[in-house]
C-alpha atoms as a PDB file:
ATOM      1  CA  MET A   1     106.471  68.755  74.826  1.00  0.00           C
ATOM      2  CA  GLY A   2     107.276  68.142  78.471  1.00  0.00           C
ATOM      3  CA  ALA A   3     106.110  70.328  81.308  1.00  0.00           C
ATOM      4  CA  PRO A   4     108.393  73.212  82.256  1.00  0.00           C
ATOM      5  CA  LYS A   5     110.305  72.987  85.514  1.00  0.00           C
ATOM      6  CA  ILE A   6     108.878  74.909  88.480  1.00  0.00           C
ATOM      7  CA  LYS A   7     111.748  77.410  88.351  1.00  0.00           C
ATOM      8  CA  GLU A   8     110.961  78.058  84.671  1.00  0.00           C
ATOM      9  CA  LEU A   9     107.240  78.487  85.401  1.00  0.00           C
ATOM     10  CA  ARG A  10     107.938  80.982  88.168  1.00  0.00           C
ATOM     11  CA  GLY A  11     110.194  82.971  85.862  1.00  0.00           C
ATOM     12  CA  MET A  12     107.594  83.242  83.076  1.00  0.00           C
ATOM     13  CA  SER A  13     105.487  86.316  82.533  1.00  0.00           C
ATOM     14  CA  ASP A  14     101.711  86.101  82.842  1.00  0.00           C
ATOM     15  CA  LYS A  15     101.421  86.592  79.096  1.00  0.00           C
ATOM     16  CA  LYS A  16     103.771  83.663  78.383  1.00  0.00           C
ATOM     17  CA  LEU A  17     101.824  81.400  80.764  1.00  0.00           C
ATOM     18  CA  GLU A  18      98.564  82.375  79.073  1.00  0.00           C
ATOM     19  CA  GLU A  19     100.050  81.602  75.655  1.00  0.00           C
ATOM     20  CA  MET A  20     101.275  78.198  76.828  1.00  0.00           C
ATOM     21  CA  HIS A  21      97.879  77.436  78.347  1.00  0.00           C
ATOM     22  CA  ASP A  22      96.032  78.429  75.199  1.00  0.00           C
ATOM     23  CA  ASN A  23      98.310  76.305  73.013  1.00  0.00           C
ATOM     24  CA  ILE A  24      97.970  73.223  75.211  1.00  0.00           C
ATOM     25  CA  SER A  25      94.260  73.647  76.005  1.00  0.00           C
ATOM     26  CA  THR A  26      93.132  72.606  72.520  1.00  0.00           C
ATOM     27  CA  HIS A  27      94.586  69.143  73.198  1.00  0.00           C
ATOM     28  CA  THR A  28      93.482  68.755  76.815  1.00  0.00           C
ATOM     29  CA  VAL A  29      90.306  67.437  78.417  1.00  0.00           C
ATOM     30  CA  VAL A  30      89.369  69.104  81.693  1.00  0.00           C
ATOM     31  CA  GLY A  31      87.049  68.137  84.513  1.00  0.00           C
ATOM     32  CA  THR A  32      84.614  70.243  86.449  1.00  0.00           C
ATOM     33  CA  SER A  33      87.272  71.233  88.991  1.00  0.00           C
ATOM     34  CA  TYR A  34      88.943  73.299  86.257  1.00  0.00           C
ATOM     35  CA  TYR A  35      85.889  75.567  86.114  1.00  0.00           C
ATOM     36  CA  LEU A  36      85.371  75.553  89.880  1.00  0.00           C
ATOM     37  CA  ASP A  37      88.988  76.606  90.386  1.00  0.00           C
ATOM     38  CA  GLU A  38      88.466  79.567  88.051  1.00  0.00           C
ATOM     39  CA  LEU A  39      85.245  80.552  89.829  1.00  0.00           C
ATOM     40  CA  ASN A  40      87.023  80.366  93.191  1.00  0.00           C
ATOM     41  CA  ARG A  41      89.897  82.458  91.853  1.00  0.00           C
ATOM     42  CA  ARG A  42      87.432  85.128  90.716  1.00  0.00           C
ATOM     43  CA  ILE A  43      85.619  85.080  94.063  1.00  0.00           C
ATOM     44  CA  GLN A  44      88.958  85.448  95.873  1.00  0.00           C
ATOM     45  CA  GLU A  45      89.942  88.363  93.633  1.00  0.00           C
ATOM     46  CA  ARG A  46      86.636  90.146  94.329  1.00  0.00           C
ATOM     47  CA  ASN A  47      87.009  89.549  98.072  1.00  0.00           C
ATOM     48  CA  THR A  48      90.561  90.874  97.997  1.00  0.00           C
ATOM     49  CA  ASN A  49      89.391  94.063  96.282  1.00  0.00           C
ATOM     50  CA  ILE A  50      86.621  94.525  98.862  1.00  0.00           C
ATOM     51  CA  ILE A  51      89.102  94.061 101.715  1.00  0.00           C
ATOM     52  CA  LYS A  52      91.419  96.640 100.138  1.00  0.00           C
ATOM     53  CA  LYS A  53      88.560  99.165 100.027  1.00  0.00           C
ATOM     54  CA  TYR A  54      87.644  98.468 103.667  1.00  0.00           C
ATOM     55  CA  THR A  55      91.286  98.849 104.682  1.00  0.00           C
ATOM     56  CA  ILE A  56      91.461 102.264 103.026  1.00  0.00           C
ATOM     57  CA  ALA A  57      88.209 103.333 104.697  1.00  0.00           C
ATOM     58  CA  ILE A  58      89.412 102.184 108.124  1.00  0.00           C
ATOM     59  CA  THR A  59      92.732 103.984 107.635  1.00  0.00           C
ATOM     60  CA  VAL A  60      90.953 107.230 106.751  1.00  0.00           C
ATOM     61  CA  MET A  61      88.565 106.922 109.710  1.00  0.00           C
ATOM     62  CA  THR A  62      91.480 106.225 112.060  1.00  0.00           C
ATOM     63  CA  ALA A  63      93.326 109.315 110.805  1.00  0.00           C
ATOM     64  CA  ILE A  64      90.196 111.446 111.292  1.00  0.00           C
ATOM     65  CA  MET A  65      89.722 110.117 114.838  1.00  0.00           C
ATOM     66  CA  ALA A  66      93.375 110.722 115.699  1.00  0.00           C
ATOM     67  CA  LEU A  67      93.206 114.280 114.365  1.00  0.00           C
ATOM     68  CA  SER A  68      89.936 114.881 116.211  1.00  0.00           C
ATOM     69  CA  THR A  69      91.482 113.619 119.447  1.00  0.00           C
ATOM     70  CA  ILE A  70      94.477 115.924 119.058  1.00  0.00           C
ATOM     71  CA  ILE A  71      92.211 118.898 118.380  1.00  0.00           C
ATOM     72  CA  ASN A  72      90.051 117.944 121.371  1.00  0.00           C
ATOM     73  CA  VAL A  73      93.077 117.780 123.693  1.00  0.00           C
ATOM     74  CA  ILE A  74      94.360 121.138 122.442  1.00  0.00           C
ATOM     75  CA  LEU A  75      90.937 122.789 122.901  1.00  0.00           C
ATOM     76  CA  PHE A  76      90.596 121.245 126.358  1.00  0.00           C
ATOM     77  CA  TYR A  77      93.871 122.796 127.540  1.00  0.00           C
ATOM     78  CA  LEU A  78      93.166 126.154 125.836  1.00  0.00           C
ATOM     79  CA  CYS A  79      89.718 126.470 127.413  1.00  0.00           C
ATOM     80  CA  ARG A  80      90.765 125.667 130.995  1.00  0.00           C
END
């Protein structure tokens, strides 16, 4: 079985890619980089999730500060 073309790979679902990998993996010898690549992928996924959480927190804090500023300006002009 030859390797699929890049266009075919990009069109495959994750499940199909996993099935192809699992079928081929029983006949393939891998080096240490195979495991390091998976570890790096997992680290990147964890970092991405952390960044998403920080982005949400920063967005909420920015909204609170903007609202507080608006309220402060309104109170300033009402109390003059």
